[in-house]
PDB file of all heavy atoms in Angstrom:
ATOM      1  N   GLY A   1     103.864  77.660 104.947  1.00  0.00           N
ATOM      2  CA  GLY A   1     103.759  78.098 106.310  1.00  0.00           C
ATOM      3  C   GLY A   1     103.675  79.609 106.450  1.00  0.00           C
ATOM      4  O   GLY A   1     103.368  80.114 107.537  1.00  0.00           O
ATOM      5  N   GLY A   2     103.915  80.311 105.398  1.00  0.00           N
ATOM      6  CA  GLY A   2     103.871  81.769 105.410  1.00  0.00           C
ATOM      7  C   GLY A   2     102.472  82.320 105.247  1.00  0.00           C
ATOM      8  O   GLY A   2     101.481  81.579 105.209  1.00  0.00           O
ATOM      9  N   SER A   3     102.384  83.638 105.171  1.00  0.00           N
ATOM     10  CA  SER A   3     101.127  84.328 105.103  1.00  0.00           C
ATOM     11  C   SER A   3     101.118  85.395 103.991  1.00  0.00           C
ATOM     12  O   SER A   3     102.148  85.926 103.645  1.00  0.00           O
ATOM     13  CB  SER A   3     100.776  85.000 106.422  1.00  0.00           C
ATOM     14  OG  SER A   3     100.726  84.074 107.483  1.00  0.00           O
ATOM     15  N   LEU A   4      99.958  85.662 103.462  1.00  0.00           N
ATOM     16  CA  LEU A   4      99.730  86.709 102.513  1.00  0.00           C
ATOM     17  C   LEU A   4      98.342  87.314 102.785  1.00  0.00           C
ATOM     18  O   LEU A   4      97.437  86.600 103.239  1.00  0.00           O
ATOM     19  CB  LEU A   4      99.776  86.254 101.093  1.00  0.00           C
ATOM     20  CG  LEU A   4     101.134  85.907 100.465  1.00  0.00           C
ATOM     21  CD1 LEU A   4     100.925  85.285  99.071  1.00  0.00           C
ATOM     22  CD2 LEU A   4     101.976  87.171 100.340  1.00  0.00           C
ATOM     23  N   ARG A   5      98.197  88.586 102.494  1.00  0.00           N
ATOM     24  CA  ARG A   5      96.862  89.214 102.513  1.00  0.00           C
ATOM     25  C   ARG A   5      96.558  89.756 101.135  1.00  0.00           C
ATOM     26  O   ARG A   5      97.254  90.638 100.605  1.00  0.00           O
ATOM     27  CB  ARG A   5      96.801  90.335 103.527  1.00  0.00           C
ATOM     28  CG  ARG A   5      95.375  90.866 103.697  1.00  0.00           C
ATOM     29  CD  ARG A   5      95.232  91.934 104.745  1.00  0.00           C
ATOM     30  NE  ARG A   5      95.724  93.212 104.298  1.00  0.00           N
ATOM     31  CZ  ARG A   5      95.403  94.382 104.850  1.00  0.00           C
ATOM     32  NH1 ARG A   5      94.583  94.413 105.888  1.00  0.00           N
ATOM     33  NH2 ARG A   5      95.925  95.499 104.386  1.00  0.00           N
ATOM     34  N   LEU A   6      95.480  89.256 100.530  1.00  0.00           N
ATOM     35  CA  LEU A   6      95.008  89.751  99.253  1.00  0.00           C
ATOM     36  C   LEU A   6      93.990  90.820  99.432  1.00  0.00           C
ATOM     37  O   LEU A   6      93.203  90.798 100.387  1.00  0.00           O
ATOM     38  CB  LEU A   6      94.398  88.576  98.442  1.00  0.00           C
ATOM     39  CG  LEU A   6      95.241  87.347  98.268  1.00  0.00           C
ATOM     40  CD1 LEU A   6      94.513  86.339  97.378  1.00  0.00           C
ATOM     41  CD2 LEU A   6      96.604  87.712  97.669  1.00  0.00           C
ATOM     42  N   SER A   7      94.002  91.785  98.528  1.00  0.00           N
ATOM     43  CA  SER A   7      93.061  92.882  98.549  1.00  0.00           C
ATOM     44  C   SER A   7      92.265  92.933  97.264  1.00  0.00           C
ATOM     45  O   SER A   7      92.812  92.576  96.215  1.00  0.00           O
ATOM     46  CB  SER A   7      93.779  94.219  98.747  1.00  0.00           C
ATOM     47  OG  SER A   7      94.490  94.273  99.948  1.00  0.00           O
ATOM     48  N   CYS A   8      91.057  93.366  97.346  1.00  0.00           N
ATOM     49  CA  CYS A   8      90.189  93.530  96.188  1.00  0.00           C
ATOM     50  C   CYS A   8      89.480  94.876  96.286  1.00  0.00           C
ATOM     51  O   CYS A   8      88.632  95.037  97.157  1.00  0.00           O
ATOM     52  CB  CYS A   8      89.192  92.394  96.043  1.00  0.00           C
ATOM     53  SG  CYS A   8      88.021  92.625  94.695  1.00  0.00           S
ATOM     54  N   ALA A   9      89.859  95.805  95.440  1.00  0.00           N
ATOM     55  CA  ALA A   9      89.245  97.122  95.427  1.00  0.00           C
ATOM     56  C   ALA A   9      88.106  97.161  94.408  1.00  0.00           C
ATOM     57  O   ALA A   9      88.277  96.780  93.261  1.00  0.00           O
ATOM     58  CB  ALA A   9      90.291  98.184  95.093  1.00  0.00           C
ATOM     59  N   ALA A  10      86.967  97.618  94.852  1.00  0.00           N
ATOM     60  CA  ALA A  10      85.784  97.711  93.980  1.00  0.00           C
ATOM     61  C   ALA A  10      85.479  99.161  93.619  1.00  0.00           C
ATOM     62  O   ALA A  10      85.631 100.029  94.465  1.00  0.00           O
ATOM     63  CB  ALA A  10      84.586  97.069  94.681  1.00  0.00           C
ATOM     64  N   SER A  11      85.077  99.373  92.398  1.00  0.00           N
ATOM     65  CA  SER A  11      84.713 100.697  91.967  1.00  0.00           C
ATOM     66  C   SER A  11      83.637 100.608  90.905  1.00  0.00           C
ATOM     67  O   SER A  11      83.376  99.550  90.353  1.00  0.00           O
ATOM     68  CB  SER A  11      85.931 101.463  91.442  1.00  0.00           C
ATOM     69  OG  SER A  11      86.464 100.822  90.276  1.00  0.00           O
ATOM     70  N   GLY A  12      83.022 101.750  90.591  1.00  0.00           N
ATOM     71  CA  GLY A  12      82.036 101.798  89.501  1.00  0.00           C
ATOM     72  C   GLY A  12      80.618 101.564  89.914  1.00  0.00           C
ATOM     73  O   GLY A  12      79.717 101.727  89.113  1.00  0.00           O
ATOM     74  N   SER A  13      80.400 101.245  91.164  1.00  0.00           N
ATOM     75  CA  SER A  13      79.091 100.974  91.664  1.00  0.00           C
ATOM     76  C   SER A  13      79.060 101.144  93.168  1.00  0.00           C
ATOM     77  O   SER A  13      80.133 101.226  93.805  1.00  0.00           O
ATOM     78  CB  SER A  13      78.597  99.567  91.230  1.00  0.00           C
ATOM     79  OG  SER A  13      77.266  99.356  91.676  1.00  0.00           O
ATOM     80  N   THR A  14      77.893 101.144  93.734  1.00  0.00           N
ATOM     81  CA  THR A  14      77.763 101.209  95.176  1.00  0.00           C
ATOM     82  C   THR A  14      78.229  99.917  95.793  1.00  0.00           C
ATOM     83  O   THR A  14      77.724  98.813  95.453  1.00  0.00           O
ATOM     84  CB  THR A  14      76.343 101.528  95.584  1.00  0.00           C
ATOM     85  OG1 THR A  14      75.874 102.729  94.980  1.00  0.00           O
ATOM     86  CG2 THR A  14      76.189 101.635  97.085  1.00  0.00           C
ATOM     87  N   PHE A  15      79.177 100.020  96.701  1.00  0.00           N
ATOM     88  CA  PHE A  15      79.807  98.814  97.299  1.00  0.00           C
ATOM     89  C   PHE A  15      78.783  97.904  97.920  1.00  0.00           C
ATOM     90  O   PHE A  15      78.836  96.675  97.721  1.00  0.00           O
ATOM     91  CB  PHE A  15      80.838  99.267  98.310  1.00  0.00           C
ATOM     92  CG  PHE A  15      81.699  98.175  98.830  1.00  0.00           C
ATOM     93  CD1 PHE A  15      82.521  97.459  98.022  1.00  0.00           C
ATOM     94  CD2 PHE A  15      81.687  97.863 100.187  1.00  0.00           C
ATOM     95  CE1 PHE A  15      83.337  96.437  98.512  1.00  0.00           C
ATOM     96  CE2 PHE A  15      82.494  96.857 100.692  1.00  0.00           C
ATOM     97  CZ  PHE A  15      83.306  96.144  99.864  1.00  0.00           C
ATOM     98  N   ASN A  16      77.841  98.446  98.663  1.00  0.00           N
ATOM     99  CA  ASN A  16      76.892  97.625  99.349  1.00  0.00           C
ATOM    100  C   ASN A  16      75.810  96.987  98.489  1.00  0.00           C
ATOM    101  O   ASN A  16      75.045  96.148  98.948  1.00  0.00           O
ATOM    102  CB  ASN A  16      76.186  98.468 100.479  1.00  0.00           C
ATOM    103  CG  ASN A  16      77.115  98.828 101.611  1.00  0.00           C
ATOM    104  OD1 ASN A  16      78.091  98.138 101.881  1.00  0.00           O
ATOM    105  ND2 ASN A  16      76.825  99.925 102.286  1.00  0.00           N
ATOM    106  N   THR A  17      75.795  97.383  97.201  1.00  0.00           N
ATOM    107  CA  THR A  17      74.849  96.799  96.280  1.00  0.00           C
ATOM    108  C   THR A  17      75.193  95.338  95.906  1.00  0.00           C
ATOM    109  O   THR A  17      74.356  94.572  95.491  1.00  0.00           O
ATOM    110  CB  THR A  17      74.772  97.668  94.994  1.00  0.00           C
ATOM    111  OG1 THR A  17      74.411  98.981  95.369  1.00  0.00           O
ATOM    112  CG2 THR A  17      73.727  97.101  94.035  1.00  0.00           C
ATOM    113  N   TYR A  18      76.452  94.995  96.073  1.00  0.00           N
ATOM    114  CA  TYR A  18      76.981  93.726  95.606  1.00  0.00           C
ATOM    115  C   TYR A  18      77.422  92.854  96.790  1.00  0.00           C
ATOM    116  O   TYR A  18      77.855  93.328  97.826  1.00  0.00           O
ATOM    117  CB  TYR A  18      78.121  93.935  94.653  1.00  0.00           C
ATOM    118  CG  TYR A  18      77.708  94.545  93.349  1.00  0.00           C
ATOM    119  CD1 TYR A  18      77.635  95.897  93.201  1.00  0.00           C
ATOM    120  CD2 TYR A  18      77.409  93.733  92.253  1.00  0.00           C
ATOM    121  CE1 TYR A  18      77.232  96.494  92.003  1.00  0.00           C
ATOM    122  CE2 TYR A  18      77.031  94.287  91.044  1.00  0.00           C
ATOM    123  CZ  TYR A  18      76.922  95.669  90.917  1.00  0.00           C
ATOM    124  OH  TYR A  18      76.521  96.231  89.724  1.00  0.00           O
ATOM    125  N   VAL A  19      77.384  91.537  96.535  1.00  0.00           N
ATOM    126  CA  VAL A  19      77.963  90.551  97.374  1.00  0.00           C
ATOM    127  C   VAL A  19      79.307  90.138  96.764  1.00  0.00           C
ATOM    128  O   VAL A  19      79.380  89.860  95.573  1.00  0.00           O
ATOM    129  CB  VAL A  19      77.046  89.314  97.536  1.00  0.00           C
ATOM    130  CG1 VAL A  19      77.720  88.238  98.340  1.00  0.00           C
ATOM    131  CG2 VAL A  19      75.739  89.741  98.173  1.00  0.00           C
ATOM    132  N   LEU A  20      80.352  90.136  97.547  1.00  0.00           N
ATOM    133  CA  LEU A  20      81.670  89.789  97.036  1.00  0.00           C
ATOM    134  C   LEU A  20      82.247  88.561  97.723  1.00  0.00           C
ATOM    135  O   LEU A  20      81.979  88.283  98.856  1.00  0.00           O
ATOM    136  CB  LEU A  20      82.637  90.961  97.222  1.00  0.00           C
ATOM    137  CG  LEU A  20      82.332  92.191  96.407  1.00  0.00           C
ATOM    138  CD1 LEU A  20      81.566  93.238  97.197  1.00  0.00           C
ATOM    139  CD2 LEU A  20      83.624  92.810  95.866  1.00  0.00           C
ATOM    140  N   GLY A  21      83.012  87.808  96.929  1.00  0.00           N
ATOM    141  CA  GLY A  21      83.657  86.619  97.446  1.00  0.00           C
ATOM    142  C   GLY A  21      84.998  86.355  96.778  1.00  0.00           C
ATOM    143  O   GLY A  21      85.360  87.027  95.814  1.00  0.00           O
ATOM    144  N   TRP A  22      85.693  85.354  97.292  1.00  0.00           N
ATOM    145  CA  TRP A  22      87.005  84.998  96.774  1.00  0.00           C
ATOM    146  C   TRP A  22      86.972  83.622  96.159  1.00  0.00           C
ATOM    147  O   TRP A  22      86.373  82.634  96.714  1.00  0.00           O
ATOM    148  CB  TRP A  22      88.048  85.033  97.842  1.00  0.00           C
ATOM    149  CG  TRP A  22      88.488  86.409  98.210  1.00  0.00           C
ATOM    150  CD1 TRP A  22      88.031  87.188  99.255  1.00  0.00           C
ATOM    151  CD2 TRP A  22      89.454  87.209  97.561  1.00  0.00           C
ATOM    152  NE1 TRP A  22      88.662  88.402  99.273  1.00  0.00           N
ATOM    153  CE2 TRP A  22      89.554  88.449  98.227  1.00  0.00           C
ATOM    154  CE3 TRP A  22      90.311  87.014  96.453  1.00  0.00           C
ATOM    155  CZ2 TRP A  22      90.421  89.476  97.855  1.00  0.00           C
ATOM    156  CZ3 TRP A  22      91.176  88.024  96.046  1.00  0.00           C
ATOM    157  CH2 TRP A  22      91.219  89.229  96.730  1.00  0.00           C
ATOM    158  N   PHE A  23      87.647  83.461  95.021  1.00  0.00           N
ATOM    159  CA  PHE A  23      87.744  82.202  94.276  1.00  0.00           C
ATOM    160  C   PHE A  23      89.189  82.011  93.860  1.00  0.00           C
ATOM    161  O   PHE A  23      89.999  82.903  93.929  1.00  0.00           O
ATOM    162  CB  PHE A  23      86.842  82.243  93.028  1.00  0.00           C
ATOM    163  CG  PHE A  23      85.394  82.438  93.337  1.00  0.00           C
ATOM    164  CD1 PHE A  23      84.911  83.707  93.659  1.00  0.00           C
ATOM    165  CD2 PHE A  23      84.511  81.389  93.305  1.00  0.00           C
ATOM    166  CE1 PHE A  23      83.546  83.938  93.904  1.00  0.00           C
ATOM    167  CE2 PHE A  23      83.158  81.576  93.574  1.00  0.00           C
ATOM    168  CZ  PHE A  23      82.676  82.840  93.897  1.00  0.00           C
ATOM    169  N   ARG A  24      89.520  80.761  93.407  1.00  0.00           N
ATOM    170  CA  ARG A  24      90.839  80.522  92.942  1.00  0.00           C
ATOM    171  C   ARG A  24      90.801  79.444  91.856  1.00  0.00           C
ATOM    172  O   ARG A  24      89.862  78.674  91.777  1.00  0.00           O
ATOM    173  CB  ARG A  24      91.783  80.069  94.062  1.00  0.00           C
ATOM    174  CG  ARG A  24      91.496  78.730  94.657  1.00  0.00           C
ATOM    175  CD  ARG A  24      92.415  78.428  95.850  1.00  0.00           C
ATOM    176  NE  ARG A  24      92.165  77.091  96.402  1.00  0.00           N
ATOM    177  CZ  ARG A  24      92.737  76.668  97.507  1.00  0.00           C
ATOM    178  NH1 ARG A  24      93.630  77.431  98.182  1.00  0.00           N
ATOM    179  NH2 ARG A  24      92.465  75.451  97.981  1.00  0.00           N
ATOM    180  N   GLN A  25      91.836  79.469  91.019  1.00  0.00           N
ATOM    181  CA  GLN A  25      91.919  78.474  89.929  1.00  0.00           C
ATOM    182  C   GLN A  25      93.395  78.104  89.767  1.00  0.00           C
ATOM    183  O   GLN A  25      94.247  78.901  89.451  1.00  0.00           O
ATOM    184  CB  GLN A  25      91.392  79.042  88.616  1.00  0.00           C
ATOM    185  CG  GLN A  25      91.326  78.053  87.503  1.00  0.00           C
ATOM    186  CD  GLN A  25      90.546  78.537  86.304  1.00  0.00           C
ATOM    187  OE1 GLN A  25      90.385  79.753  86.127  1.00  0.00           O
ATOM    188  NE2 GLN A  25      90.068  77.610  85.506  1.00  0.00           N
ATOM    189  N   ALA A  26      93.650  76.824  89.971  1.00  0.00           N
ATOM    190  CA  ALA A  26      94.989  76.248  89.742  1.00  0.00           C
ATOM    191  C   ALA A  26      95.127  75.843  88.288  1.00  0.00           C
ATOM    192  O   ALA A  26      94.108  75.578  87.612  1.00  0.00           O
ATOM    193  CB  ALA A  26      95.232  75.077  90.655  1.00  0.00           C
ATOM    194  N   PRO A  27      96.329  75.804  87.770  1.00  0.00           N
ATOM    195  CA  PRO A  27      96.526  75.395  86.381  1.00  0.00           C
ATOM    196  C   PRO A  27      95.884  74.062  86.074  1.00  0.00           C
ATOM    197  O   PRO A  27      96.119  73.074  86.782  1.00  0.00           O
ATOM    198  CB  PRO A  27      98.040  75.324  86.251  1.00  0.00           C
ATOM    199  CG  PRO A  27      98.562  76.275  87.256  1.00  0.00           C
ATOM    200  CD  PRO A  27      97.604  76.147  88.422  1.00  0.00           C
ATOM    201  N   GLY A  28      95.097  74.017  84.981  1.00  0.00           N
ATOM    202  CA  GLY A  28      94.478  72.769  84.561  1.00  0.00           C
ATOM    203  C   GLY A  28      93.293  72.337  85.395  1.00  0.00           C
ATOM    204  O   GLY A  28      92.729  71.253  85.136  1.00  0.00           O
ATOM    205  N   LYS A  29      92.872  73.149  86.329  1.00  0.00           N
ATOM    206  CA  LYS A  29      91.756  72.791  87.188  1.00  0.00           C
ATOM    207  C   LYS A  29      90.628  73.801  87.073  1.00  0.00           C
ATOM    208  O   LYS A  29      90.833  74.895  86.573  1.00  0.00           O
ATOM    209  CB  LYS A  29      92.194  72.670  88.656  1.00  0.00           C
ATOM    210  CG  LYS A  29      93.210  71.557  88.905  1.00  0.00           C
ATOM    211  CD  LYS A  29      93.496  71.405  90.383  1.00  0.00           C
ATOM    212  CE  LYS A  29      94.462  70.258  90.658  1.00  0.00           C
ATOM    213  NZ  LYS A  29      94.711  70.105  92.093  1.00  0.00           N
ATOM    214  N   GLU A  30      89.473  73.396  87.547  1.00  0.00           N
ATOM    215  CA  GLU A  30      88.299  74.267  87.492  1.00  0.00           C
ATOM    216  C   GLU A  30      88.412  75.315  88.596  1.00  0.00           C
ATOM    217  O   GLU A  30      89.056  75.115  89.647  1.00  0.00           O
ATOM    218  CB  GLU A  30      87.021  73.482  87.684  1.00  0.00           C
ATOM    219  CG  GLU A  30      86.747  72.482  86.606  1.00  0.00           C
ATOM    220  CD  GLU A  30      86.465  73.168  85.263  1.00  0.00           C
ATOM    221  OE1 GLU A  30      85.766  74.176  85.275  1.00  0.00           O
ATOM    222  OE2 GLU A  30      86.983  72.688  84.233  1.00  0.00           O
ATOM    223  N   ARG A  31      87.788  76.436  88.358  1.00  0.00           N
ATOM    224  CA  ARG A  31      87.706  77.482  89.388  1.00  0.00           C
ATOM    225  C   ARG A  31      86.869  76.999  90.559  1.00  0.00           C
ATOM    226  O   ARG A  31      85.860  76.337  90.365  1.00  0.00           O
ATOM    227  CB  ARG A  31      87.122  78.735  88.756  1.00  0.00           C
ATOM    228  CG  ARG A  31      87.099  79.959  89.669  1.00  0.00           C
ATOM    229  CD  ARG A  31      86.692  81.173  88.859  1.00  0.00           C
ATOM    230  NE  ARG A  31      85.419  80.999  88.235  1.00  0.00           N
ATOM    231  CZ  ARG A  31      85.017  81.600  87.112  1.00  0.00           C
ATOM    232  NH1 ARG A  31      85.868  82.415  86.460  1.00  0.00           N
ATOM    233  NH2 ARG A  31      83.800  81.398  86.635  1.00  0.00           N
ATOM    234  N   GLU A  32      87.323  77.293  91.763  1.00  0.00           N
ATOM    235  CA  GLU A  32      86.596  76.872  92.939  1.00  0.00           C
ATOM    236  C   GLU A  32      86.382  78.047  93.897  1.00  0.00           C
ATOM    237  O   GLU A  32      87.142  78.994  93.925  1.00  0.00           O
ATOM    238  CB  GLU A  32      87.387  75.757  93.669  1.00  0.00           C
ATOM    239  CG  GLU A  32      88.747  76.216  94.184  1.00  0.00           C
ATOM    240  CD  GLU A  32      89.400  75.095  94.991  1.00  0.00           C
ATOM    241  OE1 GLU A  32      88.724  74.197  95.506  1.00  0.00           O
ATOM    242  OE2 GLU A  32      90.671  75.163  95.119  1.00  0.00           O
ATOM    243  N   SER A  33      85.356  77.893  94.690  1.00  0.00           N
ATOM    244  CA  SER A  33      85.050  78.890  95.701  1.00  0.00           C
ATOM    245  C   SER A  33      86.003  78.730  96.862  1.00  0.00           C
ATOM    246  O   SER A  33      86.321  77.594  97.256  1.00  0.00           O
ATOM    247  CB  SER A  33      83.609  78.742  96.190  1.00  0.00           C
ATOM    248  OG  SER A  33      82.692  78.894  95.138  1.00  0.00           O
ATOM    249  N   VAL A  34      86.469  79.818  97.412  1.00  0.00           N
ATOM    250  CA  VAL A  34      87.362  79.819  98.555  1.00  0.00           C
ATOM    251  C   VAL A  34      86.653  80.382  99.783  1.00  0.00           C
ATOM    252  O   VAL A  34      86.639  79.764 100.836  1.00  0.00           O
ATOM    253  CB  VAL A  34      88.618  80.672  98.287  1.00  0.00           C
ATOM    254  CG1 VAL A  34      89.501  80.741  99.522  1.00  0.00           C
ATOM    255  CG2 VAL A  34      89.398  80.047  97.116  1.00  0.00           C
ATOM    256  N   ALA A  35      86.058  81.574  99.661  1.00  0.00           N
ATOM    257  CA  ALA A  35      85.390  82.213 100.748  1.00  0.00           C
ATOM    258  C   ALA A  35      84.293  83.097 100.190  1.00  0.00           C
ATOM    259  O   ALA A  35      84.585  84.037  99.456  1.00  0.00           O
ATOM    260  CB  ALA A  35      86.307  83.000 101.631  1.00  0.00           C
ATOM    261  N   VAL A  36      83.036  82.783 100.480  1.00  0.00           N
ATOM    262  CA  VAL A  36      81.896  83.547  99.974  1.00  0.00           C
ATOM    263  C   VAL A  36      80.877  83.717 101.094  1.00  0.00           C
ATOM    264  O   VAL A  36      80.902  83.015 102.097  1.00  0.00           O
ATOM    265  CB  VAL A  36      81.230  82.841  98.769  1.00  0.00           C
ATOM    266  CG1 VAL A  36      82.221  82.700  97.615  1.00  0.00           C
ATOM    267  CG2 VAL A  36      80.714  81.477  99.170  1.00  0.00           C
ATOM    268  N   PRO A  37      79.971  84.684 100.913  1.00  0.00           N
ATOM    269  CA  PRO A  37      78.919  84.837 101.945  1.00  0.00           C
ATOM    270  C   PRO A  37      78.078  83.553 102.047  1.00  0.00           C
ATOM    271  O   PRO A  37      77.734  82.957 101.051  1.00  0.00           O
ATOM    272  CB  PRO A  37      78.075  86.006 101.423  1.00  0.00           C
ATOM    273  CG  PRO A  37      79.008  86.768 100.561  1.00  0.00           C
ATOM    274  CD  PRO A  37      79.897  85.724  99.896  1.00  0.00           C
ATOM    275  N   SER A  38      77.789  83.170 103.265  1.00  0.00           N
ATOM    276  CA  SER A  38      77.008  81.970 103.517  1.00  0.00           C
ATOM    277  C   SER A  38      75.546  82.182 103.093  1.00  0.00           C
ATOM    278  O   SER A  38      74.953  83.257 103.345  1.00  0.00           O
ATOM    279  CB  SER A  38      77.043  81.589 104.993  1.00  0.00           C
ATOM    280  OG  SER A  38      76.175  80.533 105.281  1.00  0.00           O
ATOM    281  N   TRP A  39      74.986  81.183 102.440  1.00  0.00           N
ATOM    282  CA  TRP A  39      73.552  81.241 102.070  1.00  0.00           C
ATOM    283  C   TRP A  39      72.679  81.196 103.302  1.00  0.00           C
ATOM    284  O   TRP A  39      71.479  81.521 103.239  1.00  0.00           O
ATOM    285  CB  TRP A  39      73.194  80.123 101.115  1.00  0.00           C
ATOM    286  CG  TRP A  39      73.715  80.352  99.736  1.00  0.00           C
ATOM    287  CD1 TRP A  39      74.776  79.754  99.115  1.00  0.00           C
ATOM    288  CD2 TRP A  39      73.172  81.270  98.763  1.00  0.00           C
ATOM    289  NE1 TRP A  39      74.958  80.231  97.841  1.00  0.00           N
ATOM    290  CE2 TRP A  39      73.976  81.158  97.587  1.00  0.00           C
ATOM    291  CE3 TRP A  39      72.106  82.182  98.755  1.00  0.00           C
ATOM    292  CZ2 TRP A  39      73.707  81.935  96.447  1.00  0.00           C
ATOM    293  CZ3 TRP A  39      71.859  82.944  97.619  1.00  0.00           C
ATOM    294  CH2 TRP A  39      72.681  82.786  96.475  1.00  0.00           C
ATOM    295  N   SER A  40      73.223  80.772 104.421  1.00  0.00           N
ATOM    296  CA  SER A  40      72.493  80.775 105.669  1.00  0.00           C
ATOM    297  C   SER A  40      72.303  82.177 106.184  1.00  0.00           C
ATOM    298  O   SER A  40      71.468  82.411 107.054  1.00  0.00           O
ATOM    299  CB  SER A  40      73.212  79.921 106.701  1.00  0.00           C
ATOM    300  OG  SER A  40      73.322  78.568 106.294  1.00  0.00           O
TER     301      SER A  40
END
């Protein structure tokens, strides 16, 4: 029921050159997409 805010700092390249998204992986499970730019 609580909340958290995750941050991701990017460096080494122009920020706008890349598309960024969030993924997660639980123990013993495959990595899955959480929030990514829509292909639409």
